[in-house]
Amino acid sequence: MTNQKNKGGRPTITLTDEQVAQTEALGAVLSIEQIADYFGVGKTTFYAIMERQPEVSERYKRGKAKAIGSVAQGLLQQARNGNTTAAMFYLKTQAGWRETQNIDHTTN
C-alpha cells in the first residue's frame, strides 16, 4: 500500500499489485467492510480505492462471482441428488417458484 498526499493534505492510498490480487481471493469470502479491515483502512477509504483503481473493484467482483458460482453448483448438485430442500430452494430462487396458501374468507 502506498500513500501520496492529495490536494487536501490527506494521504491517497493505493493498493500494490499483490494487494490487488489478494482482493480477488478475499472477495470470495469477505465483505467489502471486512476487506477494508484486512488492509487496515476504513470502508469509505476502500470504496475510494476501488474508484481510483478499477482493477480492485473488478477483482473483488470476480472473487465474489467465483464463490457464488461454486456454492450454486454445490446446491444444484444436491438438488439433483434428491435433496428436496435444496431443490425447492433452487426452484424458488432461480425459477420463480413460490408457495402460496389460499385462505377461504367465506363463512358457511
PDB file of N, CA and C in Angstrom:
ATOM      1  N   MET A   1       0.853  -1.159   0.000  1.00  0.00           N
ATOM      2  CA  MET A   1       0.000   0.000   0.000  1.00  0.00           C
ATOM      3  C   MET A   1       0.900   1.223   0.000  1.00  0.00           C
ATOM      4  N   THR A   2       0.587   2.146  -0.870  1.00  0.00           N
ATOM      5  CA  THR A   2       1.374   3.369  -0.919  1.00  0.00           C
ATOM      6  C   THR A   2       0.492   4.542  -0.533  1.00  0.00           C
ATOM      7  N   ASN A   3       1.109   5.547   0.057  1.00  0.00           N
ATOM      8  CA  ASN A   3       0.413   6.767   0.462  1.00  0.00           C
ATOM      9  C   ASN A   3       0.999   7.939  -0.299  1.00  0.00           C
ATOM     10  N   GLN A   4       0.132   8.748  -0.872  1.00  0.00           N
ATOM     11  CA  GLN A   4       0.537  10.002  -1.503  1.00  0.00           C
ATOM     12  C   GLN A   4      -0.403  11.073  -0.978  1.00  0.00           C
ATOM     13  N   LYS A   5       0.058  12.279  -0.886  1.00  0.00           N
ATOM     14  CA  LYS A   5      -0.782  13.371  -0.393  1.00  0.00           C
ATOM     15  C   LYS A   5      -1.664  13.887  -1.524  1.00  0.00           C
ATOM     16  N   ASN A   6      -2.955  14.100  -1.201  1.00  0.00           N
ATOM     17  CA  ASN A   6      -3.835  14.712  -2.189  1.00  0.00           C
ATOM     18  C   ASN A   6      -3.884  16.209  -1.934  1.00  0.00           C
ATOM     19  N   LYS A   7      -4.734  16.939  -2.641  1.00  0.00           N
ATOM     20  CA  LYS A   7      -4.800  18.403  -2.529  1.00  0.00           C
ATOM     21  C   LYS A   7      -5.131  18.880  -1.120  1.00  0.00           C
ATOM     22  N   GLY A   8      -5.943  18.095  -0.403  1.00  0.00           N
ATOM     23  CA  GLY A   8      -6.326  18.491   0.950  1.00  0.00           C
ATOM     24  C   GLY A   8      -5.306  18.094   1.998  1.00  0.00           C
ATOM     25  N   GLY A   9      -4.181  17.512   1.582  1.00  0.00           N
ATOM     26  CA  GLY A   9      -3.148  17.123   2.516  1.00  0.00           C
ATOM     27  C   GLY A   9      -3.353  15.741   3.128  1.00  0.00           C
ATOM     28  N   ARG A  10      -4.463  15.103   2.786  1.00  0.00           N
ATOM     29  CA  ARG A  10      -4.721  13.755   3.297  1.00  0.00           C
ATOM     30  C   ARG A  10      -4.054  12.743   2.381  1.00  0.00           C
ATOM     31  N   PRO A  11      -3.635  11.624   2.928  1.00  0.00           N
ATOM     32  CA  PRO A  11      -2.973  10.629   2.084  1.00  0.00           C
ATOM     33  C   PRO A  11      -3.963   9.926   1.144  1.00  0.00           C
ATOM     34  N   THR A  12      -3.527   9.714  -0.090  1.00  0.00           N
ATOM     35  CA  THR A  12      -4.275   8.924  -1.058  1.00  0.00           C
ATOM     36  C   THR A  12      -3.648   7.544  -1.053  1.00  0.00           C
ATOM     37  N   ILE A  13      -4.426   6.558  -0.661  1.00  0.00           N
ATOM     38  CA  ILE A  13      -3.902   5.206  -0.516  1.00  0.00           C
ATOM     39  C   ILE A  13      -4.135   4.429  -1.810  1.00  0.00           C
ATOM     40  N   THR A  14      -3.101   3.747  -2.251  1.00  0.00           N
ATOM     41  CA  THR A  14      -3.156   2.920  -3.443  1.00  0.00           C
ATOM     42  C   THR A  14      -2.698   1.518  -3.073  1.00  0.00           C
ATOM     43  N   LEU A  15      -3.425   0.510  -3.536  1.00  0.00           N
ATOM     44  CA  LEU A  15      -3.031  -0.866  -3.272  1.00  0.00           C
ATOM     45  C   LEU A  15      -1.921  -1.290  -4.221  1.00  0.00           C
ATOM     46  N   THR A  16      -1.025  -2.118  -3.728  1.00  0.00           N
ATOM     47  CA  THR A  16       0.041  -2.663  -4.567  1.00  0.00           C
ATOM     48  C   THR A  16      -0.559  -3.745  -5.472  1.00  0.00           C
ATOM     49  N   ASP A  17       0.207  -4.183  -6.471  1.00  0.00           N
ATOM     50  CA  ASP A  17      -0.259  -5.243  -7.369  1.00  0.00           C
ATOM     51  C   ASP A  17      -0.588  -6.511  -6.577  1.00  0.00           C
ATOM     52  N   GLU A  18       0.221  -6.825  -5.583  1.00  0.00           N
ATOM     53  CA  GLU A  18      -0.021  -8.006  -4.758  1.00  0.00           C
ATOM     54  C   GLU A  18      -1.332  -7.877  -3.986  1.00  0.00           C
ATOM     55  N   GLN A  19      -1.593  -6.697  -3.438  1.00  0.00           N
ATOM     56  CA  GLN A  19      -2.823  -6.469  -2.696  1.00  0.00           C
ATOM     57  C   GLN A  19      -4.045  -6.508  -3.618  1.00  0.00           C
ATOM     58  N   VAL A  20      -3.878  -5.996  -4.827  1.00  0.00           N
ATOM     59  CA  VAL A  20      -4.973  -6.062  -5.806  1.00  0.00           C
ATOM     60  C   VAL A  20      -5.312  -7.517  -6.077  1.00  0.00           C
ATOM     61  N   ALA A  21      -4.294  -8.349  -6.261  1.00  0.00           N
ATOM     62  CA  ALA A  21      -4.514  -9.776  -6.499  1.00  0.00           C
ATOM     63  C   ALA A  21      -5.171 -10.431  -5.282  1.00  0.00           C
ATOM     64  N   GLN A  22      -4.772 -10.047  -4.080  1.00  0.00           N
ATOM     65  CA  GLN A  22      -5.362 -10.594  -2.858  1.00  0.00           C
ATOM     66  C   GLN A  22      -6.848 -10.278  -2.773  1.00  0.00           C
ATOM     67  N   THR A  23      -7.252  -9.146  -3.327  1.00  0.00           N
ATOM     68  CA  THR A  23      -8.644  -8.720  -3.262  1.00  0.00           C
ATOM     69  C   THR A  23      -9.576  -9.757  -3.885  1.00  0.00           C
ATOM     70  N   GLU A  24      -9.113 -10.433  -4.941  1.00  0.00           N
ATOM     71  CA  GLU A  24      -9.949 -11.451  -5.580  1.00  0.00           C
ATOM     72  C   GLU A  24     -10.207 -12.624  -4.631  1.00  0.00           C
ATOM     73  N   ALA A  25      -9.154 -13.111  -3.984  1.00  0.00           N
ATOM     74  CA  ALA A  25      -9.318 -14.223  -3.046  1.00  0.00           C
ATOM     75  C   ALA A  25     -10.148 -13.789  -1.844  1.00  0.00           C
ATOM     76  N   LEU A  26      -9.912 -12.593  -1.348  1.00  0.00           N
ATOM     77  CA  LEU A  26     -10.662 -12.100  -0.196  1.00  0.00           C
ATOM     78  C   LEU A  26     -12.128 -11.879  -0.549  1.00  0.00           C
ATOM     79  N   GLY A  27     -12.385 -11.416  -1.771  1.00  0.00           N
ATOM     80  CA  GLY A  27     -13.756 -11.157  -2.213  1.00  0.00           C
ATOM     81  C   GLY A  27     -14.626 -12.396  -2.205  1.00  0.00           C
ATOM     82  N   ALA A  28     -13.999 -13.564  -2.301  1.00  0.00           N
ATOM     83  CA  ALA A  28     -14.755 -14.812  -2.293  1.00  0.00           C
ATOM     84  C   ALA A  28     -15.350 -15.116  -0.927  1.00  0.00           C
ATOM     85  N   VAL A  29     -14.765 -14.562   0.128  1.00  0.00           N
ATOM     86  CA  VAL A  29     -15.203 -14.946   1.469  1.00  0.00           C
ATOM     87  C   VAL A  29     -15.506 -13.778   2.404  1.00  0.00           C
ATOM     88  N   LEU A  30     -15.097 -12.576   2.048  1.00  0.00           N
ATOM     89  CA  LEU A  30     -15.272 -11.433   2.946  1.00  0.00           C
ATOM     90  C   LEU A  30     -16.115 -10.337   2.309  1.00  0.00           C
ATOM     91  N   SER A  31     -16.749  -9.535   3.153  1.00  0.00           N
ATOM     92  CA  SER A  31     -17.479  -8.357   2.685  1.00  0.00           C
ATOM     93  C   SER A  31     -16.473  -7.236   2.407  1.00  0.00           C
ATOM     94  N   ILE A  32     -16.923  -6.191   1.762  1.00  0.00           N
ATOM     95  CA  ILE A  32     -16.053  -5.041   1.495  1.00  0.00           C
ATOM     96  C   ILE A  32     -15.550  -4.452   2.811  1.00  0.00           C
ATOM     97  N   GLU A  33     -16.425  -4.365   3.801  1.00  0.00           N
ATOM     98  CA  GLU A  33     -16.010  -3.824   5.100  1.00  0.00           C
ATOM     99  C   GLU A  33     -14.912  -4.684   5.723  1.00  0.00           C
ATOM    100  N   GLN A  34     -15.039  -5.996   5.613  1.00  0.00           N
ATOM    101  CA  GLN A  34     -14.030  -6.891   6.174  1.00  0.00           C
ATOM    102  C   GLN A  34     -12.712  -6.802   5.408  1.00  0.00           C
ATOM    103  N   ILE A  35     -12.786  -6.621   4.090  1.00  0.00           N
ATOM    104  CA  ILE A  35     -11.565  -6.454   3.295  1.00  0.00           C
ATOM    105  C   ILE A  35     -10.883  -5.151   3.674  1.00  0.00           C
ATOM    106  N   ALA A  36     -11.661  -4.105   3.876  1.00  0.00           N
ATOM    107  CA  ALA A  36     -11.093  -2.825   4.318  1.00  0.00           C
ATOM    108  C   ALA A  36     -10.369  -3.017   5.645  1.00  0.00           C
ATOM    109  N   ASP A  37     -10.993  -3.739   6.569  1.00  0.00           N
ATOM    110  CA  ASP A  37     -10.354  -4.030   7.859  1.00  0.00           C
ATOM    111  C   ASP A  37      -9.052  -4.797   7.648  1.00  0.00           C
ATOM    112  N   TYR A  38      -9.077  -5.777   6.742  1.00  0.00           N
ATOM    113  CA  TYR A  38      -7.891  -6.582   6.455  1.00  0.00           C
ATOM    114  C   TYR A  38      -6.730  -5.692   6.012  1.00  0.00           C
ATOM    115  N   PHE A  39      -7.030  -4.711   5.171  1.00  0.00           N
ATOM    116  CA  PHE A  39      -5.983  -3.809   4.687  1.00  0.00           C
ATOM    117  C   PHE A  39      -5.713  -2.645   5.642  1.00  0.00           C
ATOM    118  N   GLY A  40      -6.480  -2.559   6.729  1.00  0.00           N
ATOM    119  CA  GLY A  40      -6.243  -1.518   7.729  1.00  0.00           C
ATOM    120  C   GLY A  40      -6.741  -0.149   7.326  1.00  0.00           C
ATOM    121  N   VAL A  41      -7.807  -0.114   6.514  1.00  0.00           N
ATOM    122  CA  VAL A  41      -8.401   1.161   6.110  1.00  0.00           C
ATOM    123  C   VAL A  41      -9.891   1.116   6.403  1.00  0.00           C
ATOM    124  N   GLY A  42     -10.522   2.274   6.375  1.00  0.00           N
ATOM    125  CA  GLY A  42     -11.964   2.335   6.577  1.00  0.00           C
ATOM    126  C   GLY A  42     -12.712   1.923   5.318  1.00  0.00           C
ATOM    127  N   LYS A  43     -13.983   1.626   5.504  1.00  0.00           N
ATOM    128  CA  LYS A  43     -14.828   1.211   4.380  1.00  0.00           C
ATOM    129  C   LYS A  43     -14.894   2.309   3.308  1.00  0.00           C
ATOM    130  N   THR A  44     -15.058   3.546   3.724  1.00  0.00           N
ATOM    131  CA  THR A  44     -15.132   4.664   2.780  1.00  0.00           C
ATOM    132  C   THR A  44     -13.835   4.787   1.991  1.00  0.00           C
ATOM    133  N   THR A  45     -12.710   4.613   2.674  1.00  0.00           N
ATOM    134  CA  THR A  45     -11.403   4.674   2.000  1.00  0.00           C
ATOM    135  C   THR A  45     -11.283   3.542   0.997  1.00  0.00           C
ATOM    136  N   PHE A  46     -11.757   2.347   1.364  1.00  0.00           N
ATOM    137  CA  PHE A  46     -11.665   1.224   0.429  1.00  0.00           C
ATOM    138  C   PHE A  46     -12.530   1.477  -0.797  1.00  0.00           C
ATOM    139  N   TYR A  47     -13.712   2.048  -0.604  1.00  0.00           N
ATOM    140  CA  TYR A  47     -14.548   2.401  -1.764  1.00  0.00           C
ATOM    141  C   TYR A  47     -13.829   3.418  -2.659  1.00  0.00           C
ATOM    142  N   ALA A  48     -13.128   4.364  -2.044  1.00  0.00           N
ATOM    143  CA  ALA A  48     -12.365   5.351  -2.819  1.00  0.00           C
ATOM    144  C   ALA A  48     -11.240   4.664  -3.590  1.00  0.00           C
ATOM    145  N   ILE A  49     -10.586   3.695  -2.971  1.00  0.00           N
ATOM    146  CA  ILE A  49      -9.532   2.923  -3.649  1.00  0.00           C
ATOM    147  C   ILE A  49     -10.132   2.196  -4.846  1.00  0.00           C
ATOM    148  N   MET A  50     -11.303   1.594  -4.663  1.00  0.00           N
ATOM    149  CA  MET A  50     -11.960   0.870  -5.750  1.00  0.00           C
ATOM    150  C   MET A  50     -12.306   1.809  -6.909  1.00  0.00           C
ATOM    151  N   GLU A  51     -12.629   3.036  -6.580  1.00  0.00           N
ATOM    152  CA  GLU A  51     -12.949   4.017  -7.622  1.00  0.00           C
ATOM    153  C   GLU A  51     -11.686   4.462  -8.366  1.00  0.00           C
ATOM    154  N   ARG A  52     -10.604   4.691  -7.621  1.00  0.00           N
ATOM    155  CA  ARG A  52      -9.341   5.116  -8.230  1.00  0.00           C
ATOM    156  C   ARG A  52      -8.648   3.987  -8.973  1.00  0.00           C
ATOM    157  N   GLN A  53      -8.804   2.781  -8.471  1.00  0.00           N
ATOM    158  CA  GLN A  53      -8.161   1.604  -9.066  1.00  0.00           C
ATOM    159  C   GLN A  53      -9.244   0.609  -9.489  1.00  0.00           C
ATOM    160  N   PRO A  54      -9.799   0.784 -10.678  1.00  0.00           N
ATOM    161  CA  PRO A  54     -10.901  -0.078 -11.112  1.00  0.00           C
ATOM    162  C   PRO A  54     -10.566  -1.566 -11.066  1.00  0.00           C
ATOM    163  N   GLU A  55      -9.295  -1.913 -11.180  1.00  0.00           N
ATOM    164  CA  GLU A  55      -8.915  -3.334 -11.123  1.00  0.00           C
ATOM    165  C   GLU A  55      -9.221  -3.935  -9.753  1.00  0.00           C
ATOM    166  N   VAL A  56      -9.229  -3.126  -8.697  1.00  0.00           N
ATOM    167  CA  VAL A  56      -9.567  -3.611  -7.358  1.00  0.00           C
ATOM    168  C   VAL A  56     -11.039  -4.023  -7.334  1.00  0.00           C
ATOM    169  N   SER A  57     -11.889  -3.174  -7.871  1.00  0.00           N
ATOM    170  CA  SER A  57     -13.312  -3.478  -7.946  1.00  0.00           C
ATOM    171  C   SER A  57     -13.564  -4.705  -8.816  1.00  0.00           C
ATOM    172  N   GLU A  58     -12.874  -4.796  -9.932  1.00  0.00           N
ATOM    173  CA  GLU A  58     -13.033  -5.936 -10.840  1.00  0.00           C
ATOM    174  C   GLU A  58     -12.601  -7.231 -10.161  1.00  0.00           C
ATOM    175  N   ARG A  59     -11.493  -7.203  -9.446  1.00  0.00           N
ATOM    176  CA  ARG A  59     -11.001  -8.398  -8.758  1.00  0.00           C
ATOM    177  C   ARG A  59     -11.963  -8.806  -7.637  1.00  0.00           C
ATOM    178  N   TYR A  60     -12.488  -7.824  -6.907  1.00  0.00           N
ATOM    179  CA  TYR A  60     -13.455  -8.123  -5.845  1.00  0.00           C
ATOM    180  C   TYR A  60     -14.679  -8.818  -6.441  1.00  0.00           C
ATOM    181  N   LYS A  61     -15.230  -8.244  -7.512  1.00  0.00           N
ATOM    182  CA  LYS A  61     -16.421  -8.811  -8.151  1.00  0.00           C
ATOM    183  C   LYS A  61     -16.138 -10.206  -8.704  1.00  0.00           C
ATOM    184  N   ARG A  62     -14.971 -10.414  -9.277  1.00  0.00           N
ATOM    185  CA  ARG A  62     -14.612 -11.728  -9.814  1.00  0.00           C
ATOM    186  C   ARG A  62     -14.534 -12.770  -8.699  1.00  0.00           C
ATOM    187  N   GLY A  63     -13.912 -12.409  -7.597  1.00  0.00           N
ATOM    188  CA  GLY A  63     -13.822 -13.328  -6.463  1.00  0.00           C
ATOM    189  C   GLY A  63     -15.190 -13.671  -5.903  1.00  0.00           C
ATOM    190  N   LYS A  64     -16.043 -12.664  -5.766  1.00  0.00           N
ATOM    191  CA  LYS A  64     -17.397 -12.878  -5.254  1.00  0.00           C
ATOM    192  C   LYS A  64     -18.180 -13.778  -6.206  1.00  0.00           C
ATOM    193  N   ALA A  65     -18.062 -13.535  -7.518  1.00  0.00           N
ATOM    194  CA  ALA A  65     -18.786 -14.339  -8.512  1.00  0.00           C
ATOM    195  C   ALA A  65     -18.315 -15.791  -8.510  1.00  0.00           C
ATOM    196  N   LYS A  66     -17.018 -16.000  -8.373  1.00  0.00           N
ATOM    197  CA  LYS A  66     -16.491 -17.370  -8.321  1.00  0.00           C
ATOM    198  C   LYS A  66     -17.050 -18.120  -7.117  1.00  0.00           C
ATOM    199  N   ALA A  67     -17.114 -17.462  -5.976  1.00  0.00           N
ATOM    200  CA  ALA A  67     -17.630 -18.110  -4.768  1.00  0.00           C
ATOM    201  C   ALA A  67     -19.115 -18.423  -4.917  1.00  0.00           C
ATOM    202  N   ILE A  68     -19.877 -17.484  -5.440  1.00  0.00           N
ATOM    203  CA  ILE A  68     -21.309 -17.705  -5.640  1.00  0.00           C
ATOM    204  C   ILE A  68     -21.518 -18.857  -6.618  1.00  0.00           C
ATOM    205  N   GLY A  69     -20.737 -18.884  -7.685  1.00  0.00           N
ATOM    206  CA  GLY A  69     -20.842 -19.966  -8.660  1.00  0.00           C
ATOM    207  C   GLY A  69     -20.539 -21.321  -8.048  1.00  0.00           C
ATOM    208  N   SER A  70     -19.538 -21.365  -7.207  1.00  0.00           N
ATOM    209  CA  SER A  70     -19.164 -22.618  -6.556  1.00  0.00           C
ATOM    210  C   SER A  70     -20.263 -23.112  -5.623  1.00  0.00           C
ATOM    211  N   VAL A  71     -20.814 -22.216  -4.820  1.00  0.00           N
ATOM    212  CA  VAL A  71     -21.879 -22.593  -3.893  1.00  0.00           C
ATOM    213  C   VAL A  71     -23.133 -22.997  -4.676  1.00  0.00           C
ATOM    214  N   ALA A  72     -23.460 -22.253  -5.720  1.00  0.00           N
ATOM    215  CA  ALA A  72     -24.631 -22.581  -6.536  1.00  0.00           C
ATOM    216  C   ALA A  72     -24.473 -23.946  -7.193  1.00  0.00           C
ATOM    217  N   GLN A  73     -23.285 -24.245  -7.640  1.00  0.00           N
ATOM    218  CA  GLN A  73     -23.019 -25.544  -8.254  1.00  0.00           C
ATOM    219  C   GLN A  73     -23.233 -26.668  -7.234  1.00  0.00           C
ATOM    220  N   GLY A  74     -22.760 -26.462  -6.012  1.00  0.00           N
ATOM    221  CA  GLY A  74     -22.967 -27.444  -4.956  1.00  0.00           C
ATOM    222  C   GLY A  74     -24.441 -27.620  -4.622  1.00  0.00           C
ATOM    223  N   LEU A  75     -25.174 -26.508  -4.567  1.00  0.00           N
ATOM    224  CA  LEU A  75     -26.602 -26.565  -4.292  1.00  0.00           C
ATOM    225  C   LEU A  75     -27.331 -27.326  -5.393  1.00  0.00           C
ATOM    226  N   LEU A  76     -26.998 -27.027  -6.634  1.00  0.00           N
ATOM    227  CA  LEU A  76     -27.631 -27.706  -7.759  1.00  0.00           C
ATOM    228  C   LEU A  76     -27.316 -29.198  -7.736  1.00  0.00           C
ATOM    229  N   GLN A  77     -26.102 -29.552  -7.390  1.00  0.00           N
ATOM    230  CA  GLN A  77     -25.729 -30.966  -7.309  1.00  0.00           C
ATOM    231  C   GLN A  77     -26.540 -31.670  -6.220  1.00  0.00           C
ATOM    232  N   GLN A  78     -26.712 -30.999  -5.080  1.00  0.00           N
ATOM    233  CA  GLN A  78     -27.520 -31.581  -4.011  1.00  0.00           C
ATOM    234  C   GLN A  78     -28.964 -31.762  -4.470  1.00  0.00           C
ATOM    235  N   ALA A  79     -29.488 -30.779  -5.185  1.00  0.00           N
ATOM    236  CA  ALA A  79     -30.861 -30.879  -5.692  1.00  0.00           C
ATOM    237  C   ALA A  79     -30.984 -32.058  -6.652  1.00  0.00           C
ATOM    238  N   ARG A  80     -29.994 -32.229  -7.513  1.00  0.00           N
ATOM    239  CA  ARG A  80     -30.009 -33.339  -8.465  1.00  0.00           C
ATOM    240  C   ARG A  80     -29.886 -34.691  -7.767  1.00  0.00           C
ATOM    241  N   ASN A  81     -29.239 -34.706  -6.616  1.00  0.00           N
ATOM    242  CA  ASN A  81     -29.054 -35.948  -5.868  1.00  0.00           C
ATOM    243  C   ASN A  81     -30.233 -36.267  -4.956  1.00  0.00           C
ATOM    244  N   GLY A  82     -31.313 -35.509  -5.072  1.00  0.00           N
ATOM    245  CA  GLY A  82     -32.525 -35.820  -4.320  1.00  0.00           C
ATOM    246  C   GLY A  82     -32.742 -35.047  -3.053  1.00  0.00           C
ATOM    247  N   ASN A  83     -31.924 -34.057  -2.758  1.00  0.00           N
ATOM    248  CA  ASN A  83     -32.135 -33.233  -1.569  1.00  0.00           C
ATOM    249  C   ASN A  83     -33.314 -32.305  -1.863  1.00  0.00           C
ATOM    250  N   THR A  84     -34.469 -32.638  -1.320  1.00  0.00           N
ATOM    251  CA  THR A  84     -35.702 -31.898  -1.611  1.00  0.00           C
ATOM    252  C   THR A  84     -35.601 -30.435  -1.186  1.00  0.00           C
ATOM    253  N   THR A  85     -35.010 -30.180  -0.036  1.00  0.00           N
ATOM    254  CA  THR A  85     -34.868 -28.798   0.437  1.00  0.00           C
ATOM    255  C   THR A  85     -34.018 -27.988  -0.534  1.00  0.00           C
ATOM    256  N   ALA A  86     -32.918 -28.561  -0.988  1.00  0.00           N
ATOM    257  CA  ALA A  86     -32.063 -27.869  -1.954  1.00  0.00           C
ATOM    258  C   ALA A  86     -32.807 -27.625  -3.261  1.00  0.00           C
ATOM    259  N   ALA A  87     -33.568 -28.620  -3.697  1.00  0.00           N
ATOM    260  CA  ALA A  87     -34.330 -28.481  -4.940  1.00  0.00           C
ATOM    261  C   ALA A  87     -35.366 -27.369  -4.816  1.00  0.00           C
ATOM    262  N   MET A  88     -36.094 -27.351  -3.708  1.00  0.00           N
ATOM    263  CA  MET A  88     -37.109 -26.314  -3.514  1.00  0.00           C
ATOM    264  C   MET A  88     -36.474 -24.932  -3.438  1.00  0.00           C
ATOM    265  N   PHE A  89     -35.377 -24.818  -2.708  1.00  0.00           N
ATOM    266  CA  PHE A  89     -34.698 -23.526  -2.598  1.00  0.00           C
ATOM    267  C   PHE A  89     -34.233 -23.048  -3.966  1.00  0.00           C
ATOM    268  N   TYR A  90     -33.637 -23.950  -4.726  1.00  0.00           N
ATOM    269  CA  TYR A  90     -33.154 -23.592  -6.058  1.00  0.00           C
ATOM    270  C   TYR A  90     -34.308 -23.127  -6.944  1.00  0.00           C
ATOM    271  N   LEU A  91     -35.393 -23.875  -6.951  1.00  0.00           N
ATOM    272  CA  LEU A  91     -36.523 -23.511  -7.802  1.00  0.00           C
ATOM    273  C   LEU A  91     -37.173 -22.195  -7.371  1.00  0.00           C
ATOM    274  N   LYS A  92     -37.222 -21.948  -6.075  1.00  0.00           N
ATOM    275  CA  LYS A  92     -37.789 -20.685  -5.599  1.00  0.00           C
ATOM    276  C   LYS A  92     -36.918 -19.495  -5.990  1.00  0.00           C
ATOM    277  N   THR A  93     -35.604 -19.643  -5.858  1.00  0.00           N
ATOM    278  CA  THR A  93     -34.714 -18.509  -6.115  1.00  0.00           C
ATOM    279  C   THR A  93     -34.339 -18.343  -7.576  1.00  0.00           C
ATOM    280  N   GLN A  94     -34.341 -19.443  -8.336  1.00  0.00           N
ATOM    281  CA  GLN A  94     -33.867 -19.361  -9.716  1.00  0.00           C
ATOM    282  C   GLN A  94     -34.972 -19.540 -10.759  1.00  0.00           C
ATOM    283  N   ALA A  95     -36.061 -20.195 -10.397  1.00  0.00           N
ATOM    284  CA  ALA A  95     -37.115 -20.460 -11.376  1.00  0.00           C
ATOM    285  C   ALA A  95     -38.410 -19.722 -11.055  1.00  0.00           C
ATOM    286  N   GLY A  96     -38.393 -18.909 -10.008  1.00  0.00           N
ATOM    287  CA  GLY A  96     -39.563 -18.104  -9.680  1.00  0.00           C
ATOM    288  C   GLY A  96     -40.694 -18.867  -9.007  1.00  0.00           C
ATOM    289  N   TRP A  97     -40.423 -20.080  -8.574  1.00  0.00           N
ATOM    290  CA  TRP A  97     -41.456 -20.839  -7.878  1.00  0.00           C
ATOM    291  C   TRP A  97     -41.752 -20.164  -6.549  1.00  0.00           C
ATOM    292  N   ARG A  98     -42.991 -20.283  -6.098  1.00  0.00           N
ATOM    293  CA  ARG A  98     -43.330 -19.746  -4.788  1.00  0.00           C
ATOM    294  C   ARG A  98     -44.436 -20.586  -4.172  1.00  0.00           C
ATOM    295  N   GLU A  99     -44.478 -20.541  -2.892  1.00  0.00           N
ATOM    296  CA  GLU A  99     -45.527 -21.250  -2.174  1.00  0.00           C
ATOM    297  C   GLU A  99     -46.636 -20.258  -1.896  1.00  0.00           C
ATOM    298  N   THR A 100     -47.844 -20.675  -2.174  1.00  0.00           N
ATOM    299  CA  THR A 100     -48.984 -19.815  -1.866  1.00  0.00           C
ATOM    300  C   THR A 100     -49.966 -20.615  -1.034  1.00  0.00           C
ATOM    301  N   GLN A 101     -50.682 -19.906  -0.246  1.00  0.00           N
ATOM    302  CA  GLN A 101     -51.688 -20.542   0.585  1.00  0.00           C
ATOM    303  C   GLN A 101     -52.977 -19.779   0.351  1.00  0.00           C
ATOM    304  N   ASN A 102     -53.980 -20.460  -0.124  1.00  0.00           N
ATOM    305  CA  ASN A 102     -55.280 -19.838  -0.343  1.00  0.00           C
ATOM    306  C   ASN A 102     -56.103 -19.974   0.920  1.00  0.00           C
ATOM    307  N   ILE A 103     -56.621 -18.864   1.349  1.00  0.00           N
ATOM    308  CA  ILE A 103     -57.462 -18.853   2.547  1.00  0.00           C
ATOM    309  C   ILE A 103     -58.878 -18.494   2.117  1.00  0.00           C
ATOM    310  N   ASP A 104     -59.788 -19.335   2.493  1.00  0.00           N
ATOM    311  CA  ASP A 104     -61.191 -19.109   2.170  1.00  0.00           C
ATOM    312  C   ASP A 104     -61.765 -18.166   3.209  1.00  0.00           C
ATOM    313  N   HIS A 105     -62.141 -16.966   2.770  1.00  0.00           N
ATOM    314  CA  HIS A 105     -62.658 -15.962   3.696  1.00  0.00           C
ATOM    315  C   HIS A 105     -64.190 -15.968   3.772  1.00  0.00           C
ATOM    316  N   THR A 106     -64.795 -16.960   3.157  1.00  0.00           N
ATOM    317  CA  THR A 106     -66.256 -17.029   3.216  1.00  0.00           C
ATOM    318  C   THR A 106     -66.659 -17.837   4.428  1.00  0.00           C
ATOM    319  N   THR A 107     -67.786 -17.524   4.962  1.00  0.00           N
ATOM    320  CA  THR A 107     -68.297 -18.278   6.105  1.00  0.00           C
ATOM    321  C   THR A 107     -69.436 -19.164   5.648  1.00  0.00           C
ATOM    322  N   ASN A 108     -69.538 -20.308   6.207  1.00  0.00           N
ATOM    323  CA  ASN A 108     -70.617 -21.243   5.865  1.00  0.00           C
ATOM    324  C   ASN A 108     -71.658 -21.273   6.927  1.00  0.00           C
TER     325      ASN A 108
END
